[in-house]
Amino acid sequence: QHAKSKEGKAQVELAQLQYMKQRLRGWG
């Protein structure tokens, strides 16, 4: 929510993807 600069947004997105990669789930 608070990232404003291009570098800040890229840093946050990188952290989110690293977190999400270990928590992918699938159904059916």
PDB file of all heavy atoms in Angstrom:
ATOM      1  N   GLN A   1       0.822  -1.220   0.000  1.00  0.00           N
ATOM      2  CA  GLN A   1       0.000   0.000   0.000  1.00  0.00           C
ATOM      3  C   GLN A   1       0.847   1.257   0.000  1.00  0.00           C
ATOM      4  O   GLN A   1       0.480   2.265  -0.594  1.00  0.00           O
ATOM      5  CB  GLN A   1      -0.906   0.014   1.234  1.00  0.00           C
ATOM      6  CG  GLN A   1      -1.976  -1.047   1.260  1.00  0.00           C
ATOM      7  CD  GLN A   1      -2.842  -0.912   2.490  1.00  0.00           C
ATOM      8  OE1 GLN A   1      -3.399   0.136   2.772  1.00  0.00           O
ATOM      9  NE2 GLN A   1      -2.947  -1.986   3.259  1.00  0.00           N
ATOM     10  N   HIS A   2       1.998   1.224   0.675  1.00  0.00           N
ATOM     11  CA  HIS A   2       2.778   2.445   0.910  1.00  0.00           C
ATOM     12  C   HIS A   2       3.937   2.638  -0.044  1.00  0.00           C
ATOM     13  O   HIS A   2       4.573   3.693  -0.015  1.00  0.00           O
ATOM     14  CB  HIS A   2       3.301   2.447   2.353  1.00  0.00           C
ATOM     15  CG  HIS A   2       2.213   2.588   3.370  1.00  0.00           C
ATOM     16  ND1 HIS A   2       2.421   2.457   4.720  1.00  0.00           N
ATOM     17  CD2 HIS A   2       0.899   2.857   3.238  1.00  0.00           C
ATOM     18  CE1 HIS A   2       1.288   2.631   5.374  1.00  0.00           C
ATOM     19  NE2 HIS A   2       0.343   2.867   4.486  1.00  0.00           N
ATOM     20  N   ALA A   3       4.265   1.640  -0.866  1.00  0.00           N
ATOM     21  CA  ALA A   3       5.373   1.799  -1.809  1.00  0.00           C
ATOM     22  C   ALA A   3       4.991   2.806  -2.893  1.00  0.00           C
ATOM     23  O   ALA A   3       3.926   2.689  -3.505  1.00  0.00           O
ATOM     24  CB  ALA A   3       5.728   0.453  -2.434  1.00  0.00           C
ATOM     25  N   LYS A   4       5.835   3.790  -3.122  1.00  0.00           N
ATOM     26  CA  LYS A   4       5.538   4.843  -4.091  1.00  0.00           C
ATOM     27  C   LYS A   4       6.512   4.849  -5.262  1.00  0.00           C
ATOM     28  O   LYS A   4       6.118   5.007  -6.401  1.00  0.00           O
ATOM     29  CB  LYS A   4       5.578   6.216  -3.398  1.00  0.00           C
ATOM     30  CG  LYS A   4       4.537   6.377  -2.303  1.00  0.00           C
ATOM     31  CD  LYS A   4       3.127   6.344  -2.841  1.00  0.00           C
ATOM     32  CE  LYS A   4       2.096   6.665  -1.783  1.00  0.00           C
ATOM     33  NZ  LYS A   4       2.041   5.648  -0.707  1.00  0.00           N
ATOM     34  N   SER A   5       7.804   4.694  -5.006  1.00  0.00           N
ATOM     35  CA  SER A   5       8.787   4.771  -6.079  1.00  0.00           C
ATOM     36  C   SER A   5       8.841   3.467  -6.861  1.00  0.00           C
ATOM     37  O   SER A   5       8.341   2.428  -6.424  1.00  0.00           O
ATOM     38  CB  SER A   5      10.177   5.083  -5.505  1.00  0.00           C
ATOM     39  OG  SER A   5      10.656   3.988  -4.742  1.00  0.00           O
ATOM     40  N   LYS A   6       9.480   3.507  -8.031  1.00  0.00           N
ATOM     41  CA  LYS A   6       9.620   2.314  -8.854  1.00  0.00           C
ATOM     42  C   LYS A   6      10.434   1.262  -8.121  1.00  0.00           C
ATOM     43  O   LYS A   6      10.099   0.067  -8.143  1.00  0.00           O
ATOM     44  CB  LYS A   6      10.291   2.681 -10.177  1.00  0.00           C
ATOM     45  CG  LYS A   6      10.477   1.501 -11.114  1.00  0.00           C
ATOM     46  CD  LYS A   6      11.128   1.925 -12.421  1.00  0.00           C
ATOM     47  CE  LYS A   6      11.315   0.721 -13.342  1.00  0.00           C
ATOM     48  NZ  LYS A   6      11.978   1.114 -14.615  1.00  0.00           N
ATOM     49  N   GLU A   7      11.503   1.687  -7.445  1.00  0.00           N
ATOM     50  CA  GLU A   7      12.338   0.739  -6.711  1.00  0.00           C
ATOM     51  C   GLU A   7      11.575   0.134  -5.542  1.00  0.00           C
ATOM     52  O   GLU A   7      11.641  -1.080  -5.295  1.00  0.00           O
ATOM     53  CB  GLU A   7      13.605   1.428  -6.201  1.00  0.00           C
ATOM     54  CG  GLU A   7      14.566   0.485  -5.493  1.00  0.00           C
ATOM     55  CD  GLU A   7      15.839   1.170  -5.041  1.00  0.00           C
ATOM     56  OE1 GLU A   7      15.849   2.413  -5.020  1.00  0.00           O
ATOM     57  OE2 GLU A   7      16.806   0.475  -4.713  1.00  0.00           O
ATOM     58  N   GLY A   8      10.825   0.972  -4.822  1.00  0.00           N
ATOM     59  CA  GLY A   8      10.047   0.466  -3.691  1.00  0.00           C
ATOM     60  C   GLY A   8       9.002  -0.551  -4.121  1.00  0.00           C
ATOM     61  O   GLY A   8       8.826  -1.592  -3.480  1.00  0.00           O
ATOM     62  N   LYS A   9       8.312  -0.282  -5.226  1.00  0.00           N
ATOM     63  CA  LYS A   9       7.295  -1.217  -5.710  1.00  0.00           C
ATOM     64  C   LYS A   9       7.928  -2.529  -6.154  1.00  0.00           C
ATOM     65  O   LYS A   9       7.373  -3.616  -5.917  1.00  0.00           O
ATOM     66  CB  LYS A   9       6.523  -0.586  -6.871  1.00  0.00           C
ATOM     67  CG  LYS A   9       5.637   0.592  -6.456  1.00  0.00           C
ATOM     68  CD  LYS A   9       4.931   1.192  -7.649  1.00  0.00           C
ATOM     69  CE  LYS A   9       4.044   2.366  -7.224  1.00  0.00           C
ATOM     70  NZ  LYS A   9       3.370   2.993  -8.378  1.00  0.00           N
ATOM     71  N   ALA A  10       9.090  -2.444  -6.813  1.00  0.00           N
ATOM     72  CA  ALA A  10       9.766  -3.672  -7.238  1.00  0.00           C
ATOM     73  C   ALA A  10      10.235  -4.488  -6.043  1.00  0.00           C
ATOM     74  O   ALA A  10      10.139  -5.722  -6.036  1.00  0.00           O
ATOM     75  CB  ALA A  10      10.947  -3.323  -8.147  1.00  0.00           C
ATOM     76  N   GLN A  11      10.722  -3.815  -5.009  1.00  0.00           N
ATOM     77  CA  GLN A  11      11.179  -4.518  -3.813  1.00  0.00           C
ATOM     78  C   GLN A  11      10.022  -5.231  -3.115  1.00  0.00           C
ATOM     79  O   GLN A  11      10.153  -6.385  -2.678  1.00  0.00           O
ATOM     80  CB  GLN A  11      11.857  -3.522  -2.860  1.00  0.00           C
ATOM     81  CG  GLN A  11      13.210  -3.034  -3.348  1.00  0.00           C
ATOM     82  CD  GLN A  11      13.731  -1.862  -2.555  1.00  0.00           C
ATOM     83  OE1 GLN A  11      12.955  -1.035  -2.058  1.00  0.00           O
ATOM     84  NE2 GLN A  11      15.031  -1.755  -2.412  1.00  0.00           N
ATOM     85  N   VAL A  12       8.888  -4.559  -3.010  1.00  0.00           N
ATOM     86  CA  VAL A  12       7.726  -5.168  -2.362  1.00  0.00           C
ATOM     87  C   VAL A  12       7.207  -6.342  -3.180  1.00  0.00           C
ATOM     88  O   VAL A  12       6.872  -7.408  -2.637  1.00  0.00           O
ATOM     89  CB  VAL A  12       6.616  -4.117  -2.153  1.00  0.00           C
ATOM     90  CG1 VAL A  12       5.339  -4.778  -1.664  1.00  0.00           C
ATOM     91  CG2 VAL A  12       7.062  -3.060  -1.155  1.00  0.00           C
ATOM     92  N   GLU A  13       7.147  -6.170  -4.494  1.00  0.00           N
ATOM     93  CA  GLU A  13       6.655  -7.263  -5.347  1.00  0.00           C
ATOM     94  C   GLU A  13       7.566  -8.479  -5.244  1.00  0.00           C
ATOM     95  O   GLU A  13       7.098  -9.623  -5.209  1.00  0.00           O
ATOM     96  CB  GLU A  13       6.560  -6.793  -6.800  1.00  0.00           C
ATOM     97  CG  GLU A  13       5.940  -7.837  -7.717  1.00  0.00           C
ATOM     98  CD  GLU A  13       5.799  -7.350  -9.141  1.00  0.00           C
ATOM     99  OE1 GLU A  13       6.197  -6.200  -9.430  1.00  0.00           O
ATOM    100  OE2 GLU A  13       5.290  -8.124  -9.989  1.00  0.00           O
ATOM    101  N   LEU A  14       8.872  -8.247  -5.182  1.00  0.00           N
ATOM    102  CA  LEU A  14       9.808  -9.356  -5.038  1.00  0.00           C
ATOM    103  C   LEU A  14       9.571 -10.106  -3.735  1.00  0.00           C
ATOM    104  O   LEU A  14       9.534 -11.344  -3.708  1.00  0.00           O
ATOM    105  CB  LEU A  14      11.247  -8.829  -5.096  1.00  0.00           C
ATOM    106  CG  LEU A  14      12.358  -9.852  -4.843  1.00  0.00           C
ATOM    107  CD1 LEU A  14      12.300 -10.975  -5.878  1.00  0.00           C
ATOM    108  CD2 LEU A  14      13.720  -9.175  -4.855  1.00  0.00           C
ATOM    109  N   ALA A  15       9.386  -9.364  -2.652  1.00  0.00           N
ATOM    110  CA  ALA A  15       9.126 -10.018  -1.367  1.00  0.00           C
ATOM    111  C   ALA A  15       7.812 -10.780  -1.385  1.00  0.00           C
ATOM    112  O   ALA A  15       7.710 -11.896  -0.839  1.00  0.00           O
ATOM    113  CB  ALA A  15       9.109  -8.960  -0.255  1.00  0.00           C
ATOM    114  N   GLN A  16       6.785 -10.231  -2.023  1.00  0.00           N
ATOM    115  CA  GLN A  16       5.499 -10.917  -2.099  1.00  0.00           C
ATOM    116  C   GLN A  16       5.599 -12.209  -2.906  1.00  0.00           C
ATOM    117  O   GLN A  16       5.030 -13.240  -2.521  1.00  0.00           O
ATOM    118  CB  GLN A  16       4.454  -9.993  -2.727  1.00  0.00           C
ATOM    119  CG  GLN A  16       4.001  -8.856  -1.819  1.00  0.00           C
ATOM    120  CD  GLN A  16       3.024  -7.939  -2.514  1.00  0.00           C
ATOM    121  OE1 GLN A  16       3.178  -7.631  -3.698  1.00  0.00           O
ATOM    122  NE2 GLN A  16       2.012  -7.480  -1.792  1.00  0.00           N
ATOM    123  N   LEU A  17       6.316 -12.179  -4.013  1.00  0.00           N
ATOM    124  CA  LEU A  17       6.448 -13.379  -4.840  1.00  0.00           C
ATOM    125  C   LEU A  17       7.249 -14.457  -4.120  1.00  0.00           C
ATOM    126  O   LEU A  17       6.931 -15.650  -4.212  1.00  0.00           O
ATOM    127  CB  LEU A  17       7.108 -13.026  -6.170  1.00  0.00           C
ATOM    128  CG  LEU A  17       6.264 -12.186  -7.142  1.00  0.00           C
ATOM    129  CD1 LEU A  17       7.078 -11.802  -8.365  1.00  0.00           C
ATOM    130  CD2 LEU A  17       5.015 -12.939  -7.561  1.00  0.00           C
ATOM    131  N   GLN A  18       8.296 -14.056  -3.402  1.00  0.00           N
ATOM    132  CA  GLN A  18       9.075 -15.037  -2.649  1.00  0.00           C
ATOM    133  C   GLN A  18       8.225 -15.691  -1.565  1.00  0.00           C
ATOM    134  O   GLN A  18       8.351 -16.886  -1.299  1.00  0.00           O
ATOM    135  CB  GLN A  18      10.300 -14.360  -2.029  1.00  0.00           C
ATOM    136  CG  GLN A  18      11.363 -13.976  -3.046  1.00  0.00           C
ATOM    137  CD  GLN A  18      12.482 -13.168  -2.434  1.00  0.00           C
ATOM    138  OE1 GLN A  18      12.298 -12.468  -1.440  1.00  0.00           O
ATOM    139  NE2 GLN A  18      13.667 -13.255  -3.014  1.00  0.00           N
ATOM    140  N   TYR A  19       7.363 -14.895  -0.943  1.00  0.00           N
ATOM    141  CA  TYR A  19       6.464 -15.437   0.074  1.00  0.00           C
ATOM    142  C   TYR A  19       5.414 -16.354  -0.551  1.00  0.00           C
ATOM    143  O   TYR A  19       5.124 -17.439  -0.048  1.00  0.00           O
ATOM    144  CB  TYR A  19       5.792 -14.280   0.815  1.00  0.00           C
ATOM    145  CG  TYR A  19       4.711 -14.705   1.786  1.00  0.00           C
ATOM    146  CD1 TYR A  19       5.030 -15.128   3.065  1.00  0.00           C
ATOM    147  CD2 TYR A  19       3.370 -14.667   1.422  1.00  0.00           C
ATOM    148  CE1 TYR A  19       4.046 -15.509   3.969  1.00  0.00           C
ATOM    149  CE2 TYR A  19       2.377 -15.050   2.300  1.00  0.00           C
ATOM    150  CZ  TYR A  19       2.722 -15.465   3.569  1.00  0.00           C
ATOM    151  OH  TYR A  19       1.739 -15.861   4.452  1.00  0.00           O
ATOM    152  N   MET A  20       4.863 -15.946  -1.686  1.00  0.00           N
ATOM    153  CA  MET A  20       3.779 -16.693  -2.314  1.00  0.00           C
ATOM    154  C   MET A  20       4.261 -18.006  -2.913  1.00  0.00           C
ATOM    155  O   MET A  20       3.522 -18.997  -2.945  1.00  0.00           O
ATOM    156  CB  MET A  20       3.131 -15.827  -3.405  1.00  0.00           C
ATOM    157  CG  MET A  20       1.914 -16.457  -4.063  1.00  0.00           C
ATOM    158  SD  MET A  20       1.358 -15.483  -5.473  1.00  0.00           S
ATOM    159  CE  MET A  20       1.065 -13.908  -4.688  1.00  0.00           C
ATOM    160  N   LYS A  21       5.509 -18.038  -3.376  1.00  0.00           N
ATOM    161  CA  LYS A  21       6.015 -19.226  -4.079  1.00  0.00           C
ATOM    162  C   LYS A  21       5.943 -20.482  -3.221  1.00  0.00           C
ATOM    163  O   LYS A  21       5.689 -21.580  -3.717  1.00  0.00           O
ATOM    164  CB  LYS A  21       7.465 -18.973  -4.520  1.00  0.00           C
ATOM    165  CG  LYS A  21       8.056 -20.103  -5.335  1.00  0.00           C
ATOM    166  CD  LYS A  21       9.429 -19.745  -5.855  1.00  0.00           C
ATOM    167  CE  LYS A  21      10.429 -19.654  -4.711  1.00  0.00           C
ATOM    168  NZ  LYS A  21      11.816 -19.492  -5.224  1.00  0.00           N
ATOM    169  N   GLN A  22       6.150 -20.317  -1.925  1.00  0.00           N
ATOM    170  CA  GLN A  22       6.125 -21.470  -1.026  1.00  0.00           C
ATOM    171  C   GLN A  22       4.718 -21.834  -0.576  1.00  0.00           C
ATOM    172  O   GLN A  22       4.542 -22.827   0.134  1.00  0.00           O
ATOM    173  CB  GLN A  22       6.989 -21.163   0.207  1.00  0.00           C
ATOM    174  CG  GLN A  22       8.409 -20.747  -0.115  1.00  0.00           C
ATOM    175  CD  GLN A  22       9.158 -21.804  -0.905  1.00  0.00           C
ATOM    176  OE1 GLN A  22       8.940 -22.995  -0.701  1.00  0.00           O
ATOM    177  NE2 GLN A  22      10.028 -21.384  -1.805  1.00  0.00           N
ATOM    178  N   ARG A  23       3.741 -21.027  -0.956  1.00  0.00           N
ATOM    179  CA  ARG A  23       2.379 -21.245  -0.450  1.00  0.00           C
ATOM    180  C   ARG A  23       1.352 -21.428  -1.558  1.00  0.00           C
ATOM    181  O   ARG A  23       0.164 -21.201  -1.351  1.00  0.00           O
ATOM    182  CB  ARG A  23       1.978 -20.074   0.455  1.00  0.00           C
ATOM    183  CG  ARG A  23       2.780 -20.054   1.751  1.00  0.00           C
ATOM    184  CD  ARG A  23       2.690 -18.721   2.461  1.00  0.00           C
ATOM    185  NE  ARG A  23       3.361 -18.790   3.750  1.00  0.00           N
ATOM    186  CZ  ARG A  23       4.687 -18.686   3.897  1.00  0.00           C
ATOM    187  NH1 ARG A  23       5.459 -18.513   2.835  1.00  0.00           N
ATOM    188  NH2 ARG A  23       5.239 -18.754   5.106  1.00  0.00           N
ATOM    189  N   LEU A  24       1.817 -21.805  -2.738  1.00  0.00           N
ATOM    190  CA  LEU A  24       0.879 -22.072  -3.826  1.00  0.00           C
ATOM    191  C   LEU A  24       0.077 -23.319  -3.510  1.00  0.00           C
ATOM    192  O   LEU A  24       0.608 -24.314  -3.003  1.00  0.00           O
ATOM    193  CB  LEU A  24       1.636 -22.261  -5.140  1.00  0.00           C
ATOM    194  CG  LEU A  24       2.246 -20.999  -5.764  1.00  0.00           C
ATOM    195  CD1 LEU A  24       2.991 -21.373  -7.022  1.00  0.00           C
ATOM    196  CD2 LEU A  24       1.173 -19.978  -6.073  1.00  0.00           C
ATOM    197  N   ARG A  25      -1.208 -23.268  -3.814  1.00  0.00           N
ATOM    198  CA  ARG A  25      -2.084 -24.411  -3.589  1.00  0.00           C
ATOM    199  C   ARG A  25      -2.983 -24.587  -4.801  1.00  0.00           C
ATOM    200  O   ARG A  25      -3.249 -23.666  -5.553  1.00  0.00           O
ATOM    201  CB  ARG A  25      -2.952 -24.191  -2.340  1.00  0.00           C
ATOM    202  CG  ARG A  25      -2.185 -24.215  -1.043  1.00  0.00           C
ATOM    203  CD  ARG A  25      -2.984 -23.590   0.076  1.00  0.00           C
ATOM    204  NE  ARG A  25      -4.276 -24.227   0.258  1.00  0.00           N
ATOM    205  CZ  ARG A  25      -5.176 -23.791   1.137  1.00  0.00           C
ATOM    206  NH1 ARG A  25      -4.914 -22.755   1.893  1.00  0.00           N
ATOM    207  NH2 ARG A  25      -6.332 -24.410   1.264  1.00  0.00           N
ATOM    208  N   GLY A  26      -3.459 -25.817  -4.990  1.00  0.00           N
ATOM    209  CA  GLY A  26      -4.353 -26.078  -6.110  1.00  0.00           C
ATOM    210  C   GLY A  26      -5.460 -27.025  -5.694  1.00  0.00           C
ATOM    211  O   GLY A  26      -5.307 -27.827  -4.779  1.00  0.00           O
ATOM    212  N   TRP A  27      -6.594 -26.927  -6.365  1.00  0.00           N
ATOM    213  CA  TRP A  27      -7.749 -27.796  -6.072  1.00  0.00           C
ATOM    214  C   TRP A  27      -8.278 -28.341  -7.393  1.00  0.00           C
ATOM    215  O   TRP A  27      -8.314 -27.639  -8.398  1.00  0.00           O
ATOM    216  CB  TRP A  27      -8.859 -27.012  -5.373  1.00  0.00           C
ATOM    217  CG  TRP A  27      -8.507 -26.609  -3.990  1.00  0.00           C
ATOM    218  CD1 TRP A  27      -8.816 -27.246  -2.829  1.00  0.00           C
ATOM    219  CD2 TRP A  27      -7.754 -25.463  -3.623  1.00  0.00           C
ATOM    220  NE1 TRP A  27      -8.288 -26.567  -1.756  1.00  0.00           N
ATOM    221  CE2 TRP A  27      -7.642 -25.466  -2.212  1.00  0.00           C
ATOM    222  CE3 TRP A  27      -7.137 -24.423  -4.325  1.00  0.00           C
ATOM    223  CZ2 TRP A  27      -6.967 -24.486  -1.502  1.00  0.00           C
ATOM    224  CZ3 TRP A  27      -6.462 -23.445  -3.628  1.00  0.00           C
ATOM    225  CH2 TRP A  27      -6.379 -23.486  -2.234  1.00  0.00           C
ATOM    226  N   GLY A  28      -8.716 -29.590  -7.366  1.00  0.00           N
ATOM    227  CA  GLY A  28      -9.392 -30.171  -8.519  1.00  0.00           C
ATOM    228  C   GLY A  28      -8.559 -30.114  -9.780  1.00  0.00           C
ATOM    229  O   GLY A  28      -7.463 -30.644  -9.859  1.00  0.00           O
TER     230      GLY A  28
END
